[in-house]
Amino acid sequence: MKPFLVRKKISRAAARNAALLNLLGTPGLGSLLARRWFAGGGQLLLAVAGFALVVVWFAQEIIPCFGGLFSEQPLPPVNLKTPAVGAGLFASAWLWSLVTSLSLRREAASEKPPTLGESEVHR
């Protein structure tokens, strides 16, 4: 088996950090940190696509508002389909990262922590 395909055991601290990064930072980055390449890449792709859709929609909506500040033309109606799709993509990335984070925490909890005799402590 290829060395990069072998899944390393994850420590509790690394699982906690990956979960925090996934859920409070950017979905997918914590999964990539924990070497979950497929899940992390998919989560990151969905999160970036959803965020990009919302930003593009916002730019399309705000530009006519600035143009209409000095004219008497009515503003065009607001399109809410694009931000809903973008928010849905980002929410699905976040939920996927939640599932991955819970899986990482469960995997780390199943590992036996080292005892004092197994690890050398230097003070």
Protein backbone atom coordinates (compact mmCIF):
# COMPACT_ATOMS: atom_id res chain seq x y z
CA MET A 1 0.00 0.00 0.00
CA LYS A 2 1.22 3.51 -0.74
CA PRO A 3 2.57 5.38 2.30
CA PHE A 4 0.39 8.45 1.71
CA LEU A 5 -2.74 6.31 1.63
CA VAL A 6 -2.07 4.76 5.03
CA ARG A 7 -4.15 6.53 7.64
CA LYS A 8 -2.14 7.59 10.67
CA LYS A 9 -3.61 7.40 14.14
CA ILE A 10 -4.78 10.80 15.30
CA SER A 11 -4.24 12.15 18.79
CA ARG A 12 -6.99 13.69 20.86
CA ALA A 13 -5.44 17.15 20.61
CA ALA A 14 -5.12 16.90 16.82
CA ALA A 15 -8.73 15.71 16.54
CA ARG A 16 -9.89 18.61 18.72
CA ASN A 17 -7.92 21.13 16.69
CA ALA A 18 -9.20 19.71 13.40
CA ALA A 19 -12.80 19.85 14.68
CA LEU A 20 -12.40 23.46 15.83
CA LEU A 21 -10.90 24.48 12.51
CA ASN A 22 -13.63 22.65 10.59
CA LEU A 23 -16.54 24.04 12.56
CA LEU A 24 -15.38 27.51 13.57
CA GLY A 25 -13.00 28.28 10.73
CA THR A 26 -13.35 27.02 7.19
CA PRO A 27 -15.05 23.68 6.54
CA GLY A 28 -12.51 21.29 5.07
CA LEU A 29 -9.30 22.77 6.46
CA GLY A 30 -9.48 20.71 9.64
CA SER A 31 -10.22 17.58 7.64
CA LEU A 32 -7.19 18.25 5.46
CA LEU A 33 -5.12 18.80 8.61
CA ALA A 34 -6.24 15.36 9.82
CA ARG A 35 -5.25 13.82 6.45
CA ARG A 36 -8.80 13.16 5.29
CA TRP A 37 -7.97 14.23 1.73
CA PHE A 38 -11.24 13.36 -0.04
CA ALA A 39 -13.53 14.69 2.68
CA GLY A 40 -11.44 17.81 3.25
CA GLY A 41 -11.18 18.62 -0.44
CA GLY A 42 -14.90 18.15 -0.98
CA GLN A 43 -15.81 20.23 2.05
CA LEU A 44 -13.46 23.01 1.06
CA LEU A 45 -14.73 22.99 -2.52
CA LEU A 46 -18.38 23.22 -1.40
CA ALA A 47 -17.60 25.97 1.13
CA VAL A 48 -15.66 28.09 -1.36
CA ALA A 49 -18.31 27.62 -4.07
CA GLY A 50 -21.12 28.61 -1.68
CA PHE A 51 -19.21 31.63 -0.41
CA ALA A 52 -18.38 32.71 -3.98
CA LEU A 53 -22.05 32.50 -5.00
CA VAL A 54 -23.09 34.72 -2.11
CA VAL A 55 -20.33 37.26 -2.81
CA VAL A 56 -21.17 37.41 -6.55
CA TRP A 57 -24.87 37.84 -5.74
CA PHE A 58 -24.05 40.61 -3.26
CA ALA A 59 -21.94 42.45 -5.85
CA GLN A 60 -24.71 42.12 -8.45
CA GLU A 61 -27.25 43.55 -6.01
CA ILE A 62 -25.18 46.37 -4.56
CA ILE A 63 -23.84 47.84 -7.82
CA PRO A 64 -27.30 48.95 -9.07
CA CYS A 65 -28.02 50.41 -5.62
CA PHE A 66 -24.97 52.65 -5.84
CA GLY A 67 -25.94 53.64 -9.37
CA GLY A 68 -29.45 54.46 -8.22
CA LEU A 69 -28.35 56.84 -5.48
CA PHE A 70 -28.32 59.81 -7.83
CA SER A 71 -31.06 58.82 -10.27
CA GLU A 72 -34.81 58.52 -10.04
CA GLN A 73 -34.93 55.04 -11.62
CA PRO A 74 -36.52 52.34 -9.48
CA LEU A 75 -34.28 49.56 -8.22
CA PRO A 76 -34.60 46.12 -9.84
CA PRO A 77 -36.23 43.37 -7.78
CA VAL A 78 -33.98 41.37 -5.50
CA ASN A 79 -32.98 37.89 -6.65
CA LEU A 80 -32.90 35.51 -3.68
CA LYS A 81 -32.28 32.26 -5.57
CA THR A 82 -28.51 32.65 -5.89
CA PRO A 83 -27.76 33.40 -2.22
CA ALA A 84 -30.05 30.55 -1.15
CA VAL A 85 -28.08 28.11 -3.32
CA GLY A 86 -24.80 29.54 -2.02
CA ALA A 87 -25.91 29.32 1.60
CA GLY A 88 -27.13 25.77 0.99
CA LEU A 89 -23.76 24.75 -0.44
CA PHE A 90 -21.92 26.29 2.49
CA ALA A 91 -24.32 24.69 5.00
CA SER A 92 -23.85 21.27 3.38
CA ALA A 93 -20.05 21.72 3.60
CA TRP A 94 -20.39 22.65 7.27
CA LEU A 95 -22.62 19.64 8.02
CA TRP A 96 -20.20 17.33 6.18
CA SER A 97 -17.33 18.78 8.23
CA LEU A 98 -19.38 18.22 11.40
CA VAL A 99 -19.75 14.52 10.53
CA THR A 100 -16.03 14.26 9.76
CA SER A 101 -15.14 16.07 12.99
CA LEU A 102 -17.30 13.72 15.05
CA SER A 103 -15.67 10.77 13.30
CA LEU A 104 -12.21 12.14 14.11
CA ARG A 105 -13.13 12.69 17.76
CA ARG A 106 -14.55 9.17 18.01
CA GLU A 107 -11.43 7.69 16.42
CA ALA A 108 -9.15 9.65 18.76
CA ALA A 109 -11.19 8.63 21.82
CA SER A 110 -10.82 4.95 20.90
CA GLU A 111 -7.03 5.23 21.04
CA LYS A 112 -5.48 4.29 24.35
CA PRO A 113 -3.66 7.28 25.87
CA PRO A 114 -0.03 6.62 26.76
CA THR A 115 0.74 5.95 30.41
CA LEU A 116 3.70 7.36 32.29
CA GLY A 117 5.68 4.15 31.82
CA GLU A 118 5.23 4.19 28.02
CA SER A 119 6.20 7.79 27.39
CA GLU A 120 9.26 9.35 28.90
CA VAL A 121 8.61 12.51 30.82
CA HIS A 122 11.57 14.85 31.26
CA ARG A 123 11.26 17.62 33.77
